[in-house]
Amino acid sequence: MTQPTPEPEVLIRIEGRAGRLTLNRPKALNALTLRMVRDIWAALLAWRDDPAVALVILDGTGDRALCAGGDVLSLYESRTRGSGLARTFWREEYRLNALIHRYPKPFVAIMDGIVMGGGIGLSAHAQGGGRVVTDRSMLAMPETGIGLIPDVGGTWLLGSTSGSQAHV
């Protein structure tokens, strides 16, 4: 008996002149996995010099979240396996955030629903396109609640926000 093909974690396609990235783990609030980071990285590199792609749009499936951050459960479970998953995940996630920040084409992030941690990294670094928030957007860096410094460049993002004030 053949195993069913699993749904892709990121739907990657070109629609018109837009490269579309749709996070596709709605039951997990589109939490980021290493595979997702790598798939997004590869798509962005492929589209960077492609004249058929004029801009990139990031969104998420489901009606609850763009992205609730990194897949903390898989990272936690990897701690006893010696796989180095957590170190690899954060290294590649931060590298992806830097690529998004420096991306040469407009990058538009639809920040609908929950946007936490790694979701902030994917969306708030968007330059040249923008970030779209809705009346359902809920942005958070939950690690600050236990006294940790926000990752994904959170303190840099707050400090470099122009035209508005960040309130804690």
N, C-alpha and C. Protein backbone atom coordinates (compact mmCIF):
# COMPACT_ATOMS: atom_id res chain seq x y z
N MET A 1 0.83 -1.17 0.00
CA MET A 1 0.00 0.00 0.00
C MET A 1 0.89 1.25 0.00
N THR A 2 0.55 2.19 -0.82
CA THR A 2 1.34 3.41 -0.95
C THR A 2 0.95 4.42 0.12
N GLN A 3 1.97 5.03 0.70
CA GLN A 3 1.73 6.08 1.68
C GLN A 3 1.26 7.34 0.96
N PRO A 4 0.28 8.04 1.52
CA PRO A 4 -0.15 9.29 0.88
C PRO A 4 0.97 10.33 0.95
N THR A 5 1.05 11.15 -0.07
CA THR A 5 2.05 12.21 -0.09
C THR A 5 1.65 13.28 0.92
N PRO A 6 2.57 13.63 1.82
CA PRO A 6 2.21 14.64 2.82
C PRO A 6 2.05 16.01 2.15
N GLU A 7 1.19 16.82 2.75
CA GLU A 7 1.00 18.19 2.28
C GLU A 7 2.32 18.95 2.42
N PRO A 8 2.67 19.78 1.44
CA PRO A 8 3.88 20.60 1.62
C PRO A 8 3.66 21.60 2.76
N GLU A 9 4.73 21.86 3.52
CA GLU A 9 4.64 22.79 4.64
C GLU A 9 4.63 24.24 4.18
N VAL A 10 5.12 24.49 2.97
CA VAL A 10 5.07 25.82 2.37
C VAL A 10 4.57 25.64 0.93
N LEU A 11 3.52 26.36 0.59
CA LEU A 11 3.02 26.34 -0.78
C LEU A 11 3.79 27.42 -1.54
N ILE A 12 4.53 27.00 -2.54
CA ILE A 12 5.41 27.90 -3.28
C ILE A 12 4.95 27.92 -4.72
N ARG A 13 4.64 29.12 -5.21
CA ARG A 13 4.14 29.22 -6.56
C ARG A 13 4.31 30.65 -7.08
N ILE A 14 4.13 30.79 -8.38
CA ILE A 14 4.11 32.11 -8.99
C ILE A 14 2.70 32.35 -9.49
N GLU A 15 2.13 33.48 -9.09
CA GLU A 15 0.81 33.89 -9.54
C GLU A 15 0.96 35.27 -10.18
N GLY A 16 0.74 35.33 -11.49
CA GLY A 16 0.99 36.58 -12.19
C GLY A 16 2.45 36.94 -12.07
N ARG A 17 2.75 38.11 -11.52
CA ARG A 17 4.14 38.55 -11.35
C ARG A 17 4.61 38.40 -9.90
N ALA A 18 3.80 37.73 -9.08
CA ALA A 18 4.13 37.59 -7.66
C ALA A 18 4.62 36.18 -7.34
N GLY A 19 5.72 36.10 -6.64
CA GLY A 19 6.14 34.85 -6.02
C GLY A 19 5.35 34.72 -4.74
N ARG A 20 4.64 33.62 -4.55
CA ARG A 20 3.77 33.45 -3.39
C ARG A 20 4.32 32.36 -2.48
N LEU A 21 4.44 32.70 -1.21
CA LEU A 21 4.87 31.78 -0.17
C LEU A 21 3.73 31.70 0.84
N THR A 22 3.12 30.54 0.98
CA THR A 22 2.03 30.36 1.93
C THR A 22 2.43 29.28 2.93
N LEU A 23 2.59 29.68 4.18
CA LEU A 23 2.90 28.72 5.24
C LEU A 23 1.69 27.80 5.38
N ASN A 24 1.95 26.48 5.44
CA ASN A 24 0.86 25.52 5.31
C ASN A 24 0.85 24.47 6.43
N ARG A 25 0.83 24.94 7.66
CA ARG A 25 0.67 24.06 8.82
C ARG A 25 -0.38 24.65 9.74
N PRO A 26 -1.61 24.81 9.27
CA PRO A 26 -2.61 25.54 10.06
C PRO A 26 -2.91 24.91 11.42
N LYS A 27 -2.85 23.59 11.54
CA LYS A 27 -3.12 22.96 12.84
C LYS A 27 -2.06 23.31 13.87
N ALA A 28 -0.84 23.64 13.40
CA ALA A 28 0.26 24.04 14.27
C ALA A 28 0.46 25.54 14.24
N LEU A 29 -0.58 26.28 13.83
CA LEU A 29 -0.51 27.74 13.70
C LEU A 29 0.65 28.16 12.80
N ASN A 30 0.91 27.33 11.79
CA ASN A 30 1.96 27.58 10.80
C ASN A 30 3.35 27.75 11.43
N ALA A 31 3.57 27.05 12.55
CA ALA A 31 4.87 27.12 13.22
C ALA A 31 5.97 26.65 12.26
N LEU A 32 7.09 27.36 12.30
CA LEU A 32 8.19 27.12 11.37
C LEU A 32 8.99 25.88 11.72
N THR A 33 9.26 25.08 10.71
CA THR A 33 10.18 23.95 10.83
C THR A 33 11.44 24.26 10.02
N LEU A 34 12.47 23.47 10.24
CA LEU A 34 13.69 23.65 9.46
C LEU A 34 13.41 23.46 7.98
N ARG A 35 12.59 22.49 7.63
CA ARG A 35 12.24 22.25 6.23
C ARG A 35 11.59 23.49 5.61
N MET A 36 10.70 24.16 6.36
CA MET A 36 10.05 25.37 5.87
C MET A 36 11.07 26.48 5.63
N VAL A 37 11.98 26.66 6.58
CA VAL A 37 13.02 27.68 6.43
C VAL A 37 13.82 27.41 5.16
N ARG A 38 14.19 26.16 4.95
CA ARG A 38 14.99 25.81 3.78
C ARG A 38 14.20 25.98 2.48
N ASP A 39 12.93 25.63 2.48
CA ASP A 39 12.10 25.78 1.29
C ASP A 39 11.93 27.26 0.92
N ILE A 40 11.68 28.10 1.92
CA ILE A 40 11.53 29.53 1.67
C ILE A 40 12.84 30.11 1.14
N TRP A 41 13.96 29.72 1.76
CA TRP A 41 15.29 30.17 1.33
C TRP A 41 15.51 29.84 -0.16
N ALA A 42 15.22 28.59 -0.53
CA ALA A 42 15.44 28.16 -1.92
C ALA A 42 14.54 28.94 -2.88
N ALA A 43 13.29 29.17 -2.51
CA ALA A 43 12.38 29.92 -3.39
C ALA A 43 12.86 31.35 -3.56
N LEU A 44 13.27 31.99 -2.47
CA LEU A 44 13.73 33.37 -2.57
C LEU A 44 14.98 33.48 -3.43
N LEU A 45 15.89 32.53 -3.30
CA LEU A 45 17.09 32.56 -4.15
C LEU A 45 16.72 32.37 -5.62
N ALA A 46 15.78 31.46 -5.89
CA ALA A 46 15.36 31.21 -7.28
C ALA A 46 14.68 32.43 -7.88
N TRP A 47 13.92 33.17 -7.09
CA TRP A 47 13.18 34.31 -7.59
C TRP A 47 13.98 35.60 -7.62
N ARG A 48 15.10 35.64 -6.90
CA ARG A 48 15.87 36.88 -6.76
C ARG A 48 16.22 37.50 -8.10
N ASP A 49 16.67 36.70 -9.04
CA ASP A 49 17.09 37.22 -10.34
C ASP A 49 16.13 36.82 -11.46
N ASP A 50 14.96 36.35 -11.11
CA ASP A 50 13.97 35.92 -12.11
C ASP A 50 13.13 37.13 -12.53
N PRO A 51 13.24 37.58 -13.77
CA PRO A 51 12.49 38.76 -14.19
C PRO A 51 10.97 38.54 -14.21
N ALA A 52 10.52 37.30 -14.18
CA ALA A 52 9.09 37.02 -14.16
C ALA A 52 8.48 37.30 -12.79
N VAL A 53 9.32 37.40 -11.75
CA VAL A 53 8.84 37.65 -10.39
C VAL A 53 9.19 39.09 -10.02
N ALA A 54 8.15 39.91 -9.82
CA ALA A 54 8.36 41.32 -9.50
C ALA A 54 8.30 41.59 -8.00
N LEU A 55 7.60 40.74 -7.25
CA LEU A 55 7.50 40.90 -5.81
C LEU A 55 7.20 39.55 -5.18
N VAL A 56 7.36 39.49 -3.86
CA VAL A 56 7.09 38.27 -3.10
C VAL A 56 6.00 38.58 -2.08
N ILE A 57 5.04 37.67 -1.94
CA ILE A 57 3.97 37.80 -0.96
C ILE A 57 4.02 36.59 -0.03
N LEU A 58 4.04 36.86 1.27
CA LEU A 58 4.04 35.83 2.30
C LEU A 58 2.71 35.87 3.04
N ASP A 59 2.07 34.70 3.18
CA ASP A 59 0.87 34.59 3.99
C ASP A 59 0.81 33.20 4.58
N GLY A 60 -0.28 32.90 5.27
CA GLY A 60 -0.41 31.59 5.90
C GLY A 60 -1.79 31.00 5.68
N THR A 61 -1.88 29.68 5.68
CA THR A 61 -3.17 29.01 5.56
C THR A 61 -3.89 29.02 6.90
N GLY A 62 -5.18 28.78 6.85
CA GLY A 62 -5.98 28.79 8.05
C GLY A 62 -6.39 30.21 8.40
N ASP A 63 -7.21 30.32 9.43
CA ASP A 63 -7.69 31.64 9.80
C ASP A 63 -7.22 32.08 11.17
N ARG A 64 -6.19 31.40 11.69
CA ARG A 64 -5.75 31.73 13.05
C ARG A 64 -4.38 32.39 13.13
N ALA A 65 -3.49 32.14 12.15
CA ALA A 65 -2.12 32.64 12.32
C ALA A 65 -1.38 32.75 11.00
N LEU A 66 -0.56 33.78 10.91
CA LEU A 66 0.47 33.77 9.87
C LEU A 66 1.51 32.75 10.30
N CYS A 67 2.04 32.93 11.52
CA CYS A 67 3.06 32.01 12.03
C CYS A 67 3.25 32.24 13.52
N ALA A 68 3.09 31.19 14.30
CA ALA A 68 3.23 31.28 15.75
C ALA A 68 4.66 31.08 16.22
N GLY A 69 5.64 31.25 15.32
CA GLY A 69 7.04 31.12 15.70
C GLY A 69 7.61 29.79 15.27
N GLY A 70 8.76 29.46 15.85
CA GLY A 70 9.41 28.20 15.53
C GLY A 70 8.63 27.04 16.12
N ASP A 71 8.79 25.87 15.53
CA ASP A 71 8.14 24.66 16.03
C ASP A 71 8.87 24.21 17.29
N VAL A 72 8.47 24.81 18.41
CA VAL A 72 9.14 24.60 19.69
C VAL A 72 9.10 23.14 20.11
N LEU A 73 8.02 22.44 19.81
CA LEU A 73 7.91 21.03 20.20
C LEU A 73 9.00 20.20 19.54
N SER A 74 9.21 20.37 18.25
CA SER A 74 10.26 19.57 17.58
C SER A 74 11.64 19.95 18.10
N LEU A 75 11.85 21.22 18.39
CA LEU A 75 13.14 21.64 18.94
C LEU A 75 13.36 21.05 20.33
N TYR A 76 12.31 21.07 21.15
CA TYR A 76 12.40 20.51 22.49
C TYR A 76 12.67 19.01 22.44
N GLU A 77 11.94 18.32 21.57
CA GLU A 77 12.12 16.87 21.47
C GLU A 77 13.49 16.49 20.94
N SER A 78 14.13 17.36 20.21
CA SER A 78 15.45 17.05 19.64
C SER A 78 16.58 17.16 20.66
N ARG A 79 16.32 17.71 21.84
CA ARG A 79 17.38 18.01 22.81
C ARG A 79 18.15 16.79 23.25
N THR A 80 17.54 15.62 23.30
CA THR A 80 18.22 14.43 23.78
C THR A 80 18.80 13.58 22.66
N ARG A 81 18.56 13.97 21.44
CA ARG A 81 19.03 13.17 20.31
C ARG A 81 20.41 13.56 19.82
N GLY A 82 20.93 14.68 20.29
CA GLY A 82 22.25 15.10 19.84
C GLY A 82 22.29 15.46 18.37
N SER A 83 21.14 15.82 17.82
CA SER A 83 21.06 16.08 16.38
C SER A 83 21.55 17.47 15.99
N GLY A 84 21.63 18.37 16.95
CA GLY A 84 22.00 19.74 16.63
C GLY A 84 20.89 20.49 15.92
N LEU A 85 19.67 19.95 15.94
CA LEU A 85 18.55 20.56 15.22
C LEU A 85 18.34 22.01 15.64
N ALA A 86 18.31 22.27 16.94
CA ALA A 86 18.03 23.63 17.41
C ALA A 86 19.08 24.61 16.89
N ARG A 87 20.34 24.27 17.01
CA ARG A 87 21.41 25.16 16.54
C ARG A 87 21.29 25.39 15.03
N THR A 88 21.03 24.34 14.29
CA THR A 88 20.89 24.46 12.83
C THR A 88 19.67 25.28 12.48
N PHE A 89 18.54 25.00 13.17
CA PHE A 89 17.31 25.74 12.90
C PHE A 89 17.53 27.23 13.08
N TRP A 90 18.07 27.66 14.24
CA TRP A 90 18.20 29.09 14.49
C TRP A 90 19.23 29.74 13.57
N ARG A 91 20.30 29.04 13.28
CA ARG A 91 21.29 29.60 12.34
C ARG A 91 20.64 29.86 10.99
N GLU A 92 19.91 28.88 10.47
CA GLU A 92 19.29 29.03 9.15
C GLU A 92 18.11 29.99 9.17
N GLU A 93 17.36 30.01 10.27
CA GLU A 93 16.24 30.95 10.38
C GLU A 93 16.76 32.39 10.39
N TYR A 94 17.80 32.67 11.15
CA TYR A 94 18.34 34.03 11.20
C TYR A 94 18.95 34.43 9.86
N ARG A 95 19.57 33.48 9.19
CA ARG A 95 20.11 33.75 7.85
C ARG A 95 18.98 34.08 6.89
N LEU A 96 17.85 33.39 7.01
CA LEU A 96 16.68 33.68 6.18
C LEU A 96 16.13 35.08 6.49
N ASN A 97 16.06 35.44 7.77
CA ASN A 97 15.60 36.78 8.14
C ASN A 97 16.48 37.85 7.49
N ALA A 98 17.79 37.63 7.50
CA ALA A 98 18.71 38.59 6.88
C ALA A 98 18.48 38.67 5.37
N LEU A 99 18.22 37.54 4.73
CA LEU A 99 17.94 37.54 3.29
C LEU A 99 16.66 38.32 3.01
N ILE A 100 15.63 38.12 3.81
CA ILE A 100 14.37 38.86 3.63
C ILE A 100 14.62 40.35 3.79
N HIS A 101 15.41 40.73 4.79
CA HIS A 101 15.70 42.15 5.03
C HIS A 101 16.43 42.79 3.84
N ARG A 102 17.31 42.05 3.22
CA ARG A 102 18.11 42.59 2.10
C ARG A 102 17.55 42.22 0.74
N TYR A 103 16.38 41.61 0.68
CA TYR A 103 15.86 41.10 -0.57
C TYR A 103 15.70 42.24 -1.58
N PRO A 104 16.15 42.04 -2.81
CA PRO A 104 16.15 43.14 -3.78
C PRO A 104 14.79 43.45 -4.40
N LYS A 105 13.80 42.66 -4.13
CA LYS A 105 12.46 42.90 -4.67
C LYS A 105 11.51 43.17 -3.51
N PRO A 106 10.41 43.87 -3.78
CA PRO A 106 9.44 44.10 -2.70
C PRO A 106 8.98 42.78 -2.10
N PHE A 107 8.92 42.75 -0.79
CA PHE A 107 8.50 41.58 -0.02
C PHE A 107 7.34 42.03 0.85
N VAL A 108 6.17 41.50 0.60
CA VAL A 108 4.96 41.90 1.32
C VAL A 108 4.53 40.74 2.22
N ALA A 109 4.39 41.03 3.50
CA ALA A 109 3.97 40.02 4.47
C ALA A 109 2.57 40.36 4.96
N ILE A 110 1.66 39.41 4.83
CA ILE A 110 0.29 39.56 5.33
C ILE A 110 0.27 39.00 6.75
N MET A 111 0.34 39.87 7.73
CA MET A 111 0.48 39.48 9.14
C MET A 111 -0.89 39.33 9.80
N ASP A 112 -1.70 38.43 9.27
CA ASP A 112 -3.06 38.22 9.76
C ASP A 112 -3.06 37.16 10.85
N GLY A 113 -3.76 37.43 11.93
CA GLY A 113 -3.85 36.48 13.03
C GLY A 113 -2.62 36.54 13.93
N ILE A 114 -2.27 35.41 14.51
CA ILE A 114 -1.14 35.32 15.43
C ILE A 114 0.17 35.41 14.64
N VAL A 115 1.05 36.29 15.11
CA VAL A 115 2.38 36.43 14.52
C VAL A 115 3.34 36.55 15.71
N MET A 116 4.08 35.47 15.97
CA MET A 116 4.97 35.46 17.12
C MET A 116 6.35 34.98 16.69
N GLY A 117 7.36 35.37 17.45
CA GLY A 117 8.71 34.85 17.28
C GLY A 117 9.16 34.78 15.84
N GLY A 118 9.34 33.55 15.35
CA GLY A 118 9.81 33.35 13.98
C GLY A 118 8.89 33.95 12.93
N GLY A 119 7.60 34.09 13.23
CA GLY A 119 6.68 34.75 12.32
C GLY A 119 7.00 36.24 12.21
N ILE A 120 7.41 36.84 13.33
CA ILE A 120 7.87 38.23 13.31
C ILE A 120 9.12 38.31 12.44
N GLY A 121 10.03 37.34 12.61
CA GLY A 121 11.26 37.34 11.80
C GLY A 121 10.98 37.28 10.32
N LEU A 122 10.03 36.43 9.92
CA LEU A 122 9.71 36.30 8.50
C LEU A 122 9.03 37.55 7.94
N SER A 123 8.26 38.24 8.76
CA SER A 123 7.43 39.32 8.23
C SER A 123 7.95 40.72 8.54
N ALA A 124 8.41 40.96 9.73
CA ALA A 124 8.79 42.32 10.12
C ALA A 124 10.07 42.79 9.44
N HIS A 125 10.88 41.88 8.94
CA HIS A 125 12.10 42.28 8.23
C HIS A 125 11.83 42.66 6.78
N ALA A 126 10.59 42.51 6.33
CA ALA A 126 10.24 42.82 4.94
C ALA A 126 10.55 44.29 4.63
N GLN A 127 11.28 44.51 3.58
CA GLN A 127 11.64 45.85 3.13
C GLN A 127 11.11 46.06 1.72
N GLY A 128 10.86 47.27 1.36
CA GLY A 128 10.52 47.58 -0.02
C GLY A 128 9.13 47.15 -0.44
N GLY A 129 8.45 46.42 0.37
CA GLY A 129 7.08 45.99 0.06
C GLY A 129 6.19 46.41 1.18
N GLY A 130 6.39 45.81 2.31
CA GLY A 130 5.66 46.22 3.48
C GLY A 130 5.06 45.09 4.25
N ARG A 131 4.48 45.48 5.35
CA ARG A 131 3.82 44.55 6.24
C ARG A 131 2.36 44.97 6.32
N VAL A 132 1.48 44.02 6.13
CA VAL A 132 0.05 44.31 6.19
C VAL A 132 -0.48 43.67 7.46
N VAL A 133 -1.03 44.50 8.34
CA VAL A 133 -1.67 43.99 9.55
C VAL A 133 -3.18 44.15 9.39
N THR A 134 -3.92 43.31 10.08
CA THR A 134 -5.37 43.35 10.00
C THR A 134 -5.94 43.57 11.40
N ASP A 135 -7.24 43.69 11.50
CA ASP A 135 -7.84 43.84 12.82
C ASP A 135 -7.73 42.57 13.65
N ARG A 136 -7.28 41.47 13.02
CA ARG A 136 -7.08 40.20 13.74
C ARG A 136 -5.61 39.95 14.08
N SER A 137 -4.72 40.84 13.68
CA SER A 137 -3.29 40.64 13.94
C SER A 137 -2.99 40.74 15.42
N MET A 138 -2.21 39.76 15.90
CA MET A 138 -1.74 39.75 17.28
C MET A 138 -0.26 39.43 17.24
N LEU A 139 0.57 40.44 17.45
CA LEU A 139 2.02 40.28 17.38
C LEU A 139 2.57 40.11 18.79
N ALA A 140 3.53 39.19 18.94
CA ALA A 140 4.08 38.94 20.27
C ALA A 140 5.47 38.35 20.17
N MET A 141 6.25 38.65 21.18
CA MET A 141 7.54 38.01 21.40
C MET A 141 7.45 37.40 22.80
N PRO A 142 6.87 36.20 22.92
CA PRO A 142 6.54 35.65 24.24
C PRO A 142 7.74 35.41 25.14
N GLU A 143 8.92 35.28 24.59
CA GLU A 143 10.09 35.03 25.44
C GLU A 143 10.38 36.19 26.38
N THR A 144 9.91 37.39 26.04
CA THR A 144 10.15 38.53 26.92
C THR A 144 9.38 38.38 28.23
N GLY A 145 8.31 37.59 28.24
CA GLY A 145 7.52 37.35 29.44
C GLY A 145 8.27 36.59 30.51
N ILE A 146 9.35 35.89 30.12
CA ILE A 146 10.17 35.18 31.12
C ILE A 146 11.55 35.79 31.23
N GLY A 147 11.67 37.04 30.74
CA GLY A 147 12.91 37.79 30.93
C GLY A 147 13.98 37.59 29.88
N LEU A 148 13.66 36.94 28.79
CA LEU A 148 14.65 36.75 27.73
C LEU A 148 14.58 37.88 26.72
N ILE A 149 15.71 38.14 26.08
CA ILE A 149 15.76 39.13 25.01
C ILE A 149 15.10 38.52 23.78
N PRO A 150 14.25 39.28 23.08
CA PRO A 150 13.60 38.71 21.90
C PRO A 150 14.61 38.36 20.82
N ASP A 151 14.35 37.23 20.16
CA ASP A 151 15.25 36.81 19.08
C ASP A 151 14.74 37.37 17.76
N VAL A 152 15.19 36.84 16.67
CA VAL A 152 14.88 37.24 15.29
C VAL A 152 15.06 38.74 15.07
N GLY A 153 15.94 39.36 15.85
CA GLY A 153 16.20 40.79 15.68
C GLY A 153 15.12 41.66 16.28
N GLY A 154 14.37 41.14 17.24
CA GLY A 154 13.24 41.88 17.81
C GLY A 154 13.61 43.23 18.39
N THR A 155 14.70 43.32 19.13
CA THR A 155 15.08 44.61 19.70
C THR A 155 15.53 45.57 18.60
N TRP A 156 16.21 45.08 17.60
CA TRP A 156 16.60 45.93 16.46
C TRP A 156 15.35 46.43 15.74
N LEU A 157 14.39 45.54 15.50
CA LEU A 157 13.16 45.93 14.81
C LEU A 157 12.43 47.04 15.57
N LEU A 158 12.30 46.91 16.88
CA LEU A 158 11.62 47.95 17.66
C LEU A 158 12.39 49.25 17.62
N GLY A 159 13.70 49.18 17.74
CA GLY A 159 14.52 50.38 17.75
C GLY A 159 14.61 51.08 16.41
N SER A 160 14.33 50.38 15.33
CA SER A 160 14.45 50.99 14.01
C SER A 160 13.09 51.28 13.37
N THR A 161 12.03 51.13 14.14
CA THR A 161 10.70 51.41 13.62
C THR A 161 10.55 52.91 13.44
N SER A 162 10.24 53.33 12.23
CA SER A 162 10.10 54.76 11.97
C SER A 162 8.63 55.15 11.90
N GLY A 163 8.34 56.36 12.33
CA GLY A 163 6.99 56.89 12.21
C GLY A 163 6.02 56.40 13.24
N SER A 164 6.47 55.60 14.19
CA SER A 164 5.57 55.14 15.23
C SER A 164 6.38 54.86 16.48
N GLN A 165 5.70 54.67 17.57
CA GLN A 165 6.36 54.33 18.82
C GLN A 165 5.92 52.95 19.23
N ALA A 166 6.86 52.17 19.71
CA ALA A 166 6.53 50.84 20.23
C ALA A 166 6.23 50.97 21.72
N HIS A 167 5.17 50.35 22.15
CA HIS A 167 4.79 50.38 23.56
C HIS A 167 4.80 48.96 24.10
N VAL A 168 5.35 48.82 25.28
CA VAL A 168 5.41 47.52 25.93
C VAL A 168 4.39 47.48 27.03
